[in-house]
Amino acid sequence: MSKALVLACGNSQRGDDGVAHQVVSYLRNHLSYATAEFHAVKFHCQQQWTPELAKPISQAEIVIFVDAAVGAPSGSITCRRLQPVSDAPLASTHHISPNYLLLLAQELYGKSPARAYSLTIAGDSFESEETVSPPVRRAIPGSAERIKQLLATS
């Protein structure tokens, strides 16, 4: 297992927006503490991705960005490979894309991960509540399994 970083983004008090935090919690509970698999993975959860993440991203061999999404059926999981390219101008620090963070890691520290992925879980309820909707809750184990597969192939 290579050095891996799982970055969860979302607000756990806004319904389905907090699903990434729950995926990380699920992973922490289901990766074996007794194996190298667990100790080679660092988890980082926050409400939004910030430029300060460029340094730990530059030090990882694999990075998996986990977030909620809109525009797809609730509970659907999308996983795609990322590259360090600027996909949008940086207008503010309120929203920074994973691609931009990969680019920052490359530009500031001279290195980006060999592999980077975005895993999103589509939600439909982003109201002020601390629970995710049933379809999103059902997607958590599948999301965690997909992340474990990505980590196992590193």
Protein backbone atom coordinates (compact mmCIF):
# COMPACT_ATOMS: atom_id res chain seq x y z
CA MET A 1 0.00 0.00 0.00
CA SER A 2 1.37 3.40 -0.94
CA LYS A 3 0.91 6.61 1.00
CA ALA A 4 -2.75 7.51 0.49
CA LEU A 5 -4.84 10.55 1.34
CA VAL A 6 -8.65 10.59 1.46
CA LEU A 7 -10.10 14.10 1.51
CA ALA A 8 -13.76 14.48 2.48
CA CYS A 9 -15.61 17.71 1.87
CA GLY A 10 -19.05 18.76 3.04
CA ASN A 11 -21.20 20.20 5.77
CA SER A 12 -22.52 17.49 8.08
CA GLN A 13 -25.32 19.82 9.23
CA ARG A 14 -26.74 20.19 5.71
CA GLY A 15 -28.28 16.79 5.05
CA ASP A 16 -26.78 14.91 2.10
CA ASP A 17 -23.91 17.43 1.88
CA GLY A 18 -22.33 15.62 4.85
CA VAL A 19 -22.14 12.22 3.17
CA ALA A 20 -18.37 12.40 2.57
CA HIS A 21 -17.76 12.62 6.30
CA GLN A 22 -19.93 9.54 6.82
CA VAL A 23 -18.02 7.64 4.12
CA VAL A 24 -14.76 8.41 5.93
CA SER A 25 -16.26 7.32 9.24
CA TYR A 26 -17.39 4.08 7.61
CA LEU A 27 -13.91 3.51 6.18
CA ARG A 28 -12.28 4.14 9.55
CA ASN A 29 -14.58 1.56 11.12
CA HIS A 30 -14.08 -1.04 8.39
CA LEU A 31 -10.37 -0.85 7.58
CA SER A 32 -8.45 -3.20 9.80
CA TYR A 33 -6.40 -1.33 12.41
CA ALA A 34 -4.01 -4.29 12.54
CA THR A 35 -2.94 -4.04 8.91
CA ALA A 36 -0.69 -1.74 6.95
CA GLU A 37 -3.77 -0.94 4.84
CA PHE A 38 -5.14 1.29 7.61
CA HIS A 39 -1.88 2.93 8.65
CA ALA A 40 -0.96 3.92 5.09
CA VAL A 41 -4.14 6.01 4.70
CA LYS A 42 -4.57 9.52 6.06
CA PHE A 43 -8.06 10.96 6.30
CA HIS A 44 -8.91 14.64 6.24
CA CYS A 45 -12.47 15.98 6.66
CA GLN A 46 -13.52 19.59 6.35
CA GLN A 47 -16.37 21.74 5.06
CA GLN A 48 -14.46 22.98 2.02
CA TRP A 49 -11.17 22.28 0.30
CA THR A 50 -8.58 25.00 0.82
CA PRO A 51 -5.20 25.86 -0.76
CA GLU A 52 -3.42 24.56 2.36
CA LEU A 53 -4.23 21.03 1.22
CA ALA A 54 -1.71 21.38 -1.62
CA LYS A 55 1.18 20.34 0.64
CA PRO A 56 -0.27 17.03 1.92
CA ILE A 57 -1.56 16.32 -1.60
CA SER A 58 1.97 16.75 -2.96
CA GLN A 59 3.27 14.21 -0.43
CA ALA A 60 0.75 11.48 -1.29
CA GLU A 61 0.98 8.84 -3.98
CA ILE A 62 -2.79 8.52 -4.28
CA VAL A 63 -5.46 11.06 -3.35
CA ILE A 64 -9.19 10.43 -3.30
CA PHE A 65 -11.51 13.43 -3.05
CA VAL A 66 -14.94 12.53 -1.64
CA ASP A 67 -17.91 14.88 -1.86
CA ALA A 68 -21.66 15.13 -2.38
CA ALA A 69 -23.00 16.03 -5.81
CA VAL A 70 -26.20 17.20 -7.46
CA GLY A 71 -27.73 16.52 -10.84
CA ALA A 72 -27.85 12.72 -10.73
CA PRO A 73 -30.26 10.29 -9.10
CA SER A 74 -29.95 10.42 -5.32
CA GLY A 75 -27.50 7.82 -4.03
CA SER A 76 -25.71 7.30 -7.33
CA ILE A 77 -21.93 7.03 -7.08
CA THR A 78 -19.54 8.53 -9.62
CA CYS A 79 -15.80 7.90 -9.62
CA ARG A 80 -13.45 9.52 -12.10
CA ARG A 81 -9.72 9.93 -12.49
CA LEU A 82 -8.35 13.46 -12.09
CA GLN A 83 -5.43 15.35 -13.57
CA PRO A 84 -3.65 18.46 -12.24
CA VAL A 85 -5.22 20.99 -14.58
CA SER A 86 -6.98 24.26 -14.01
CA ASP A 87 -10.62 23.61 -14.87
CA ALA A 88 -11.87 27.00 -13.74
CA PRO A 89 -10.40 30.32 -12.75
CA LEU A 90 -9.91 30.70 -9.02
CA ALA A 91 -12.48 33.39 -8.25
CA SER A 92 -12.51 32.86 -4.49
CA THR A 93 -11.38 30.41 -1.86
CA HIS A 94 -14.99 29.44 -1.15
CA HIS A 95 -14.84 26.66 -3.71
CA ILE A 96 -11.63 25.09 -4.96
CA SER A 97 -11.86 22.09 -7.27
CA PRO A 98 -9.83 18.93 -6.79
CA ASN A 99 -8.18 19.52 -10.18
CA TYR A 100 -7.05 22.96 -9.06
CA LEU A 101 -5.65 21.55 -5.80
CA LEU A 102 -3.65 19.00 -7.81
CA LEU A 103 -2.32 21.83 -9.96
CA LEU A 104 -1.39 23.84 -6.84
CA ALA A 105 0.49 20.84 -5.43
CA GLN A 106 2.42 20.53 -8.68
CA GLU A 107 3.19 24.24 -8.96
CA LEU A 108 4.01 24.93 -5.31
CA TYR A 109 5.77 21.69 -4.33
CA GLY A 110 6.88 20.27 -7.66
CA LYS A 111 4.91 17.05 -7.25
CA SER A 112 1.39 15.77 -7.54
CA PRO A 113 0.08 12.29 -6.75
CA ALA A 114 0.62 9.52 -9.28
CA ARG A 115 -3.11 8.84 -9.08
CA ALA A 116 -6.00 11.08 -8.04
CA TYR A 117 -9.72 10.36 -8.07
CA SER A 118 -12.97 12.15 -7.38
CA LEU A 119 -15.71 10.05 -5.82
CA THR A 120 -19.09 11.74 -5.48
CA ILE A 121 -22.41 10.58 -4.10
CA ALA A 122 -25.46 12.35 -5.51
CA GLY A 123 -27.83 13.81 -2.97
CA ASP A 124 -31.12 15.63 -3.10
CA SER A 125 -31.69 16.90 0.44
CA PHE A 126 -29.37 19.70 1.50
CA GLU A 127 -31.64 21.14 4.17
CA SER A 128 -30.51 22.06 7.66
CA GLU A 129 -30.42 18.60 9.23
CA GLU A 130 -27.73 16.25 10.50
CA THR A 131 -28.87 13.08 8.72
CA VAL A 132 -28.53 12.01 5.12
CA SER A 133 -31.45 10.81 3.03
CA PRO A 134 -32.12 7.04 2.78
CA PRO A 135 -30.76 6.64 -0.80
CA VAL A 136 -27.55 8.43 0.16
CA ARG A 137 -27.22 6.38 3.36
CA ARG A 138 -27.51 3.19 1.31
CA ALA A 139 -24.69 4.42 -0.98
CA ILE A 140 -22.16 4.80 1.85
CA PRO A 141 -20.97 1.15 1.98
CA GLY A 142 -20.64 1.01 -1.81
CA SER A 143 -18.67 4.27 -1.82
CA ALA A 144 -16.36 2.96 0.88
CA GLU A 145 -15.85 -0.29 -1.05
CA ARG A 146 -14.95 1.64 -4.20
CA ILE A 147 -12.39 3.67 -2.23
CA LYS A 148 -10.94 0.48 -0.74
CA GLN A 149 -10.59 -0.93 -4.28
CA LEU A 150 -8.77 2.20 -5.43
CA LEU A 151 -6.44 2.00 -2.44
CA ALA A 152 -5.78 -1.71 -2.97
CA THR A 153 -4.57 -1.16 -6.53
CA SER A 154 -1.93 1.36 -5.53
